[in-house]
Amino acid sequence: DNPYLSNFYADMSRWALNLQIYFLTRRFKAVQRAM
């Protein structure tokens, strides 16, 4: 349900930070649960 991926590949400089913050937050939460 990533809301940024398609926009990122169309305009990387505009959406780069949004996309990476999204990934970082999701992965952090997942690692906490898995630990």
All heavy atoms as atom14 arrays in JSON, in Angstrom:
{
  "sequence": "DNPYLSNFYADMSRWALNLQIYFLTRRFKAVQRAM",
  "atom14_mask": [
    [1, 1, 1, 1, 1, 1, 1, 1, 0, 0, 0, 0, 0, 0],
    [1, 1, 1, 1, 1, 1, 1, 1, 0, 0, 0, 0, 0, 0],
    [1, 1, 1, 1, 1, 1, 1, 0, 0, 0, 0, 0, 0, 0],
    [1, 1, 1, 1, 1, 1, 1, 1, 1, 1, 1, 1, 0, 0],
    [1, 1, 1, 1, 1, 1, 1, 1, 0, 0, 0, 0, 0, 0],
    [1, 1, 1, 1, 1, 1, 0, 0, 0, 0, 0, 0, 0, 0],
    [1, 1, 1, 1, 1, 1, 1, 1, 0, 0, 0, 0, 0, 0],
    [1, 1, 1, 1, 1, 1, 1, 1, 1, 1, 1, 0, 0, 0],
    [1, 1, 1, 1, 1, 1, 1, 1, 1, 1, 1, 1, 0, 0],
    [1, 1, 1, 1, 1, 0, 0, 0, 0, 0, 0, 0, 0, 0],
    [1, 1, 1, 1, 1, 1, 1, 1, 0, 0, 0, 0, 0, 0],
    [1, 1, 1, 1, 1, 1, 1, 1, 0, 0, 0, 0, 0, 0],
    [1, 1, 1, 1, 1, 1, 0, 0, 0, 0, 0, 0, 0, 0],
    [1, 1, 1, 1, 1, 1, 1, 1, 1, 1, 1, 0, 0, 0],
    [1, 1, 1, 1, 1, 1, 1, 1, 1, 1, 1, 1, 1, 1],
    [1, 1, 1, 1, 1, 0, 0, 0, 0, 0, 0, 0, 0, 0],
    [1, 1, 1, 1, 1, 1, 1, 1, 0, 0, 0, 0, 0, 0],
    [1, 1, 1, 1, 1, 1, 1, 1, 0, 0, 0, 0, 0, 0],
    [1, 1, 1, 1, 1, 1, 1, 1, 0, 0, 0, 0, 0, 0],
    [1, 1, 1, 1, 1, 1, 1, 1, 1, 0, 0, 0, 0, 0],
    [1, 1, 1, 1, 1, 1, 1, 1, 0, 0, 0, 0, 0, 0],
    [1, 1, 1, 1, 1, 1, 1, 1, 1, 1, 1, 1, 0, 0],
    [1, 1, 1, 1, 1, 1, 1, 1, 1, 1, 1, 0, 0, 0],
    [1, 1, 1, 1, 1, 1, 1, 1, 0, 0, 0, 0, 0, 0],
    [1, 1, 1, 1, 1, 1, 1, 0, 0, 0, 0, 0, 0, 0],
    [1, 1, 1, 1, 1, 1, 1, 1, 1, 1, 1, 0, 0, 0],
    [1, 1, 1, 1, 1, 1, 1, 1, 1, 1, 1, 0, 0, 0],
    [1, 1, 1, 1, 1, 1, 1, 1, 1, 1, 1, 0, 0, 0],
    [1, 1, 1, 1, 1, 1, 1, 1, 1, 0, 0, 0, 0, 0],
    [1, 1, 1, 1, 1, 0, 0, 0, 0, 0, 0, 0, 0, 0],
    [1, 1, 1, 1, 1, 1, 1, 0, 0, 0, 0, 0, 0, 0],
    [1, 1, 1, 1, 1, 1, 1, 1, 1, 0, 0, 0, 0, 0],
    [1, 1, 1, 1, 1, 1, 1, 1, 1, 1, 1, 0, 0, 0],
    [1, 1, 1, 1, 1, 0, 0, 0, 0, 0, 0, 0, 0, 0],
    [1, 1, 1, 1, 1, 1, 1, 1, 0, 0, 0, 0, 0, 0]
  ],
  "atom14_positions": [
    [[0.82, -1.21, 0.0], [0.0, 0.0, 0.0], [0.86, 1.26, 0.0], [0.4, 2.34, 0.38], [-0.94, 0.0, 1.21], [-0.19, -0.06, 2.54], [1.02, -0.35, 2.51], [-0.82, 0.19, 3.58], [0.0, 0.0, 0.0], [0.0, 0.0, 0.0], [0.0, 0.0, 0.0], [0.0, 0.0, 0.0], [0.0, 0.0, 0.0], [0.0, 0.0, 0.0]],
    [[2.1, 1.14, -0.44], [3.04, 2.26, -0.46], [2.47, 3.41, -1.3], [2.25, 3.25, -2.5], [4.37, 1.8, -1.05], [5.47, 2.82, -0.88], [5.25, 4.01, -1.02], [6.67, 2.35, -0.58], [0.0, 0.0, 0.0], [0.0, 0.0, 0.0], [0.0, 0.0, 0.0], [0.0, 0.0, 0.0], [0.0, 0.0, 0.0], [0.0, 0.0, 0.0]],
    [[2.25, 4.57, -0.7], [1.63, 5.68, -1.44], [2.63, 6.51, -2.25], [2.23, 7.44, -2.94], [1.03, 6.53, -0.32], [1.96, 6.33, 0.83], [2.42, 4.89, 0.74], [0.0, 0.0, 0.0], [0.0, 0.0, 0.0], [0.0, 0.0, 0.0], [0.0, 0.0, 0.0], [0.0, 0.0, 0.0], [0.0, 0.0, 0.0], [0.0, 0.0, 0.0]],
    [[3.92, 6.16, -2.17], [4.94, 7.0, -2.79], [5.69, 6.34, -3.95], [6.35, 7.04, -4.72], [5.99, 7.42, -1.75], [5.42, 8.18, -0.58], [5.39, 7.6, 0.69], [4.92, 9.47, -0.73], [4.86, 8.29, 1.77], [4.4, 10.16, 0.36], [4.37, 9.56, 1.6], [3.86, 10.25, 2.67], [0.0, 0.0, 0.0], [0.0, 0.0, 0.0]],
    [[5.62, 5.02, -4.07], [6.52, 4.31, -4.98], [6.38, 4.74, -6.43], [7.36, 5.09, -7.1], [6.32, 2.8, -4.85], [7.4, 1.94, -5.47], [8.76, 2.22, -4.84], [7.05, 0.45, -5.32], [0.0, 0.0, 0.0], [0.0, 0.0, 0.0], [0.0, 0.0, 0.0], [0.0, 0.0, 0.0], [0.0, 0.0, 0.0], [0.0, 0.0, 0.0]],
    [[5.18, 4.73, -6.95], [4.99, 5.11, -8.36], [5.39, 6.56, -8.6], [6.04, 6.89, -9.6], [3.53, 4.9, -8.77], [3.18, 3.55, -8.71], [0.0, 0.0, 0.0], [0.0, 0.0, 0.0], [0.0, 0.0, 0.0], [0.0, 0.0, 0.0], [0.0, 0.0, 0.0], [0.0, 0.0, 0.0], [0.0, 0.0, 0.0], [0.0, 0.0, 0.0]],
    [[5.03, 7.43, -7.67], [5.42, 8.85, -7.8], [6.93, 9.02, -7.75], [7.5, 9.85, -8.46], [4.78, 9.67, -6.67], [3.29, 9.84, -6.85], [2.78, 9.79, -7.96], [2.59, 10.02, -5.74], [0.0, 0.0, 0.0], [0.0, 0.0, 0.0], [0.0, 0.0, 0.0], [0.0, 0.0, 0.0], [0.0, 0.0, 0.0], [0.0, 0.0, 0.0]],
    [[7.59, 8.21, -6.91], [9.04, 8.31, -6.79], [9.73, 7.99, -8.11], [10.63, 8.72, -8.55], [9.53, 7.35, -5.7], [11.02, 7.18, -5.69], [11.86, 8.19, -5.23], [11.6, 5.99, -6.13], [13.24, 8.03, -5.22], [12.97, 5.82, -6.12], [13.79, 6.84, -5.67], [0.0, 0.0, 0.0], [0.0, 0.0, 0.0], [0.0, 0.0, 0.0]],
    [[9.35, 6.91, -8.76], [10.0, 6.55, -10.01], [9.68, 7.53, -11.14], [10.44, 7.65, -12.1], [9.63, 5.12, -10.42], [10.34, 4.08, -9.58], [9.63, 3.12, -8.86], [11.73, 4.06, -9.5], [10.29, 2.18, -8.08], [12.39, 3.13, -8.72], [11.67, 2.19, -8.02], [12.32, 1.27, -7.24], [0.0, 0.0, 0.0], [0.0, 0.0, 0.0]],
    [[8.59, 8.26, -10.99], [8.25, 9.28, -11.98], [8.99, 10.6, -11.71], [9.31, 11.34, -12.64], [6.75, 9.53, -12.0], [0.0, 0.0, 0.0], [0.0, 0.0, 0.0], [0.0, 0.0, 0.0], [0.0, 0.0, 0.0], [0.0, 0.0, 0.0], [0.0, 0.0, 0.0], [0.0, 0.0, 0.0], [0.0, 0.0, 0.0], [0.0, 0.0, 0.0]],
    [[9.27, 10.89, -10.43], [9.94, 12.14, -10.05], [10.73, 11.89, -8.77], [10.28, 12.18, -7.67], [8.89, 13.24, -9.83], [9.53, 14.62, -9.61], [10.77, 14.69, -9.47], [8.78, 15.61, -9.55], [0.0, 0.0, 0.0], [0.0, 0.0, 0.0], [0.0, 0.0, 0.0], [0.0, 0.0, 0.0], [0.0, 0.0, 0.0], [0.0, 0.0, 0.0]],
    [[11.94, 11.34, -8.92], [12.72, 10.86, -7.78], [13.08, 11.97, -6.79], [13.0, 11.79, -5.58], [13.98, 10.14, -8.25], [13.72, 8.81, -8.92], [15.27, 7.96, -9.33], [14.64, 6.39, -9.9], [0.0, 0.0, 0.0], [0.0, 0.0, 0.0], [0.0, 0.0, 0.0], [0.0, 0.0, 0.0], [0.0, 0.0, 0.0], [0.0, 0.0, 0.0]],
    [[13.51, 13.11, -7.31], [13.96, 14.17, -6.42], [12.82, 14.72, -5.56], [13.03, 15.13, -4.42], [14.61, 15.31, -7.22], [13.69, 15.87, -8.14], [0.0, 0.0, 0.0], [0.0, 0.0, 0.0], [0.0, 0.0, 0.0], [0.0, 0.0, 0.0], [0.0, 0.0, 0.0], [0.0, 0.0, 0.0], [0.0, 0.0, 0.0], [0.0, 0.0, 0.0]],
    [[11.62, 14.72, -6.09], [10.46, 15.23, -5.35], [10.06, 14.3, -4.22], [9.68, 14.75, -3.13], [9.28, 15.46, -6.32], [7.92, 15.66, -5.65], [7.86, 16.94, -4.8], [6.57, 17.08, -4.15], [6.23, 16.53, -2.99], [7.09, 15.74, -2.35], [5.02, 16.72, -2.47], [0.0, 0.0, 0.0], [0.0, 0.0, 0.0], [0.0, 0.0, 0.0]],
    [[10.14, 12.98, -4.46], [9.56, 12.03, -3.53], [10.59, 11.19, -2.77], [10.21, 10.31, -1.99], [8.6, 11.1, -4.28], [7.43, 11.83, -4.86], [7.26, 12.21, -6.16], [6.29, 12.3, -4.15], [6.07, 12.88, -6.31], [5.45, 12.95, -5.09], [5.88, 12.23, -2.82], [4.24, 13.53, -4.73], [4.68, 12.8, -2.46], [3.87, 13.44, -3.41]],
    [[11.87, 11.46, -2.95], [12.92, 10.62, -2.36], [12.81, 10.54, -0.84], [12.81, 9.44, -0.26], [14.3, 11.13, -2.76], [0.0, 0.0, 0.0], [0.0, 0.0, 0.0], [0.0, 0.0, 0.0], [0.0, 0.0, 0.0], [0.0, 0.0, 0.0], [0.0, 0.0, 0.0], [0.0, 0.0, 0.0], [0.0, 0.0, 0.0], [0.0, 0.0, 0.0]],
    [[12.76, 11.68, -0.16], [12.73, 11.67, 1.29], [11.44, 11.03, 1.81], [11.46, 10.24, 2.76], [12.87, 13.08, 1.85], [12.91, 13.19, 3.38], [14.09, 12.4, 3.95], [12.98, 14.64, 3.82], [0.0, 0.0, 0.0], [0.0, 0.0, 0.0], [0.0, 0.0, 0.0], [0.0, 0.0, 0.0], [0.0, 0.0, 0.0], [0.0, 0.0, 0.0]],
    [[10.31, 11.37, 1.2], [9.03, 10.78, 1.61], [9.09, 9.25, 1.56], [8.68, 8.57, 2.5], [7.9, 11.25, 0.69], [7.76, 12.75, 0.63], [8.66, 13.44, 0.14], [6.66, 13.28, 1.13], [0.0, 0.0, 0.0], [0.0, 0.0, 0.0], [0.0, 0.0, 0.0], [0.0, 0.0, 0.0], [0.0, 0.0, 0.0], [0.0, 0.0, 0.0]],
    [[9.6, 8.75, 0.44], [9.65, 7.3, 0.25], [10.55, 6.63, 1.28], [10.18, 5.62, 1.89], [10.17, 6.98, -1.16], [10.29, 5.49, -1.49], [8.91, 4.85, -1.59], [11.08, 5.29, -2.78], [0.0, 0.0, 0.0], [0.0, 0.0, 0.0], [0.0, 0.0, 0.0], [0.0, 0.0, 0.0], [0.0, 0.0, 0.0], [0.0, 0.0, 0.0]],
    [[11.73, 7.2, 1.5], [12.68, 6.57, 2.41], [12.24, 6.65, 3.87], [12.49, 5.72, 4.64], [14.07, 7.18, 2.21], [14.69, 6.91, 0.85], [14.76, 5.42, 0.52], [15.01, 4.59, 1.39], [14.54, 5.09, -0.74], [0.0, 0.0, 0.0], [0.0, 0.0, 0.0], [0.0, 0.0, 0.0], [0.0, 0.0, 0.0], [0.0, 0.0, 0.0]],
    [[11.6, 7.71, 4.26], [11.05, 7.8, 5.61], [9.94, 6.76, 5.8], [9.83, 6.11, 6.85], [10.5, 9.21, 5.91], [11.63, 10.24, 5.94], [9.71, 9.22, 7.21], [12.61, 10.04, 7.08], [0.0, 0.0, 0.0], [0.0, 0.0, 0.0], [0.0, 0.0, 0.0], [0.0, 0.0, 0.0], [0.0, 0.0, 0.0], [0.0, 0.0, 0.0]],
    [[9.15, 6.57, 4.77], [8.1, 5.56, 4.8], [8.7, 4.17, 5.03], [8.27, 3.42, 5.9], [7.31, 5.59, 3.49], [6.27, 4.51, 3.35], [4.98, 4.69, 3.83], [6.58, 3.31, 2.72], [4.02, 3.69, 3.7], [5.63, 2.3, 2.59], [4.36, 2.5, 3.07], [3.42, 1.5, 2.94], [0.0, 0.0, 0.0], [0.0, 0.0, 0.0]],
    [[9.72, 3.82, 4.22], [10.38, 2.52, 4.37], [11.0, 2.37, 5.76], [10.88, 1.32, 6.4], [11.47, 2.36, 3.32], [10.97, 2.01, 1.94], [11.57, 2.55, 0.81], [9.91, 1.14, 1.76], [11.12, 2.23, -0.46], [9.44, 0.81, 0.5], [10.06, 1.36, -0.62], [0.0, 0.0, 0.0], [0.0, 0.0, 0.0], [0.0, 0.0, 0.0]],
    [[11.7, 3.4, 6.21], [12.39, 3.34, 7.48], [11.42, 3.07, 8.63], [11.67, 2.22, 9.5], [13.15, 4.65, 7.72], [13.96, 4.76, 9.02], [15.06, 3.72, 9.06], [14.54, 6.17, 9.16], [0.0, 0.0, 0.0], [0.0, 0.0, 0.0], [0.0, 0.0, 0.0], [0.0, 0.0, 0.0], [0.0, 0.0, 0.0], [0.0, 0.0, 0.0]],
    [[10.31, 3.76, 8.62], [9.32, 3.61, 9.69], [8.71, 2.21, 9.69], [8.59, 1.56, 10.73], [8.2, 4.66, 9.53], [8.78, 5.96, 9.5], [7.22, 4.57, 10.68], [0.0, 0.0, 0.0], [0.0, 0.0, 0.0], [0.0, 0.0, 0.0], [0.0, 0.0, 0.0], [0.0, 0.0, 0.0], [0.0, 0.0, 0.0], [0.0, 0.0, 0.0]],
    [[8.34, 1.73, 8.51], [7.74, 0.4, 8.41], [8.72, -0.68, 8.86], [8.36, -1.6, 9.6], [7.29, 0.14, 6.97], [6.04, 0.89, 6.54], [4.82, 0.42, 7.33], [3.59, 1.01, 6.86], [2.77, 0.44, 5.97], [3.07, -0.73, 5.46], [1.67, 1.05, 5.61], [0.0, 0.0, 0.0], [0.0, 0.0, 0.0], [0.0, 0.0, 0.0]],
    [[9.96, -0.59, 8.4], [10.94, -1.64, 8.73], [11.31, -1.6, 10.22], [11.53, -2.64, 10.84], [12.17, -1.5, 7.85], [11.86, -1.67, 6.36], [13.09, -1.98, 5.56], [13.01, -1.47, 4.21], [12.29, -1.99, 3.22], [11.55, -3.06, 3.44], [12.3, -1.44, 2.01], [0.0, 0.0, 0.0], [0.0, 0.0, 0.0], [0.0, 0.0, 0.0]],
    [[11.4, -0.4, 10.77], [11.71, -0.28, 12.19], [10.64, -0.97, 13.04], [10.94, -1.73, 13.97], [11.81, 1.2, 12.57], [12.0, 1.45, 14.03], [13.22, 1.21, 14.64], [10.95, 1.94, 14.81], [13.41, 1.45, 16.0], [11.13, 2.18, 16.16], [12.36, 1.93, 16.76], [0.0, 0.0, 0.0], [0.0, 0.0, 0.0], [0.0, 0.0, 0.0]],
    [[9.39, -0.72, 12.73], [8.3, -1.34, 13.48], [8.33, -2.86, 13.33], [8.11, -3.6, 14.31], [6.95, -0.8, 12.99], [6.68, 0.65, 13.36], [5.32, 1.09, 12.82], [5.01, 2.53, 13.23], [3.7, 2.98, 12.68], [0.0, 0.0, 0.0], [0.0, 0.0, 0.0], [0.0, 0.0, 0.0], [0.0, 0.0, 0.0], [0.0, 0.0, 0.0]],
    [[8.63, -3.34, 12.13], [8.67, -4.78, 11.89], [9.8, -5.44, 12.66], [9.64, -6.54, 13.22], [8.83, -5.05, 10.4], [0.0, 0.0, 0.0], [0.0, 0.0, 0.0], [0.0, 0.0, 0.0], [0.0, 0.0, 0.0], [0.0, 0.0, 0.0], [0.0, 0.0, 0.0], [0.0, 0.0, 0.0], [0.0, 0.0, 0.0], [0.0, 0.0, 0.0]],
    [[10.96, -4.79, 12.71], [12.11, -5.35, 13.44], [11.8, -5.41, 14.94], [12.13, -6.39, 15.62], [13.38, -4.53, 13.18], [14.5, -4.96, 14.11], [13.82, -4.69, 11.73], [0.0, 0.0, 0.0], [0.0, 0.0, 0.0], [0.0, 0.0, 0.0], [0.0, 0.0, 0.0], [0.0, 0.0, 0.0], [0.0, 0.0, 0.0], [0.0, 0.0, 0.0]],
    [[11.19, -4.39, 15.46], [10.83, -4.39, 16.88], [9.94, -5.58, 17.22], [10.13, -6.25, 18.24], [10.12, -3.09, 17.25], [11.04, -1.89, 17.42], [10.32, -0.71, 18.01], [9.24, -0.35, 17.57], [10.9, -0.1, 19.03], [0.0, 0.0, 0.0], [0.0, 0.0, 0.0], [0.0, 0.0, 0.0], [0.0, 0.0, 0.0], [0.0, 0.0, 0.0]],
    [[8.97, -5.86, 16.35], [8.08, -7.0, 16.6], [8.83, -8.32, 16.49], [8.66, -9.22, 17.31], [6.91, -6.97, 15.62], [5.93, -5.82, 15.84], [4.68, -5.99, 15.0], [4.96, -5.87, 13.58], [4.88, -4.74, 12.89], [4.53, -3.62, 13.51], [5.13, -4.71, 11.59], [0.0, 0.0, 0.0], [0.0, 0.0, 0.0], [0.0, 0.0, 0.0]],
    [[9.69, -8.43, 15.48], [10.4, -9.69, 15.24], [11.41, -10.0, 16.33], [11.64, -11.17, 16.67], [11.11, -9.62, 13.88], [0.0, 0.0, 0.0], [0.0, 0.0, 0.0], [0.0, 0.0, 0.0], [0.0, 0.0, 0.0], [0.0, 0.0, 0.0], [0.0, 0.0, 0.0], [0.0, 0.0, 0.0], [0.0, 0.0, 0.0], [0.0, 0.0, 0.0]],
    [[12.04, -8.97, 16.9], [13.05, -9.17, 17.93], [12.51, -9.92, 19.14], [13.25, -10.66, 19.8], [13.61, -7.82, 18.38], [14.62, -7.21, 17.43], [15.08, -5.51, 17.93], [15.58, -5.75, 19.64], [0.0, 0.0, 0.0], [0.0, 0.0, 0.0], [0.0, 0.0, 0.0], [0.0, 0.0, 0.0], [0.0, 0.0, 0.0], [0.0, 0.0, 0.0]]
  ]
}
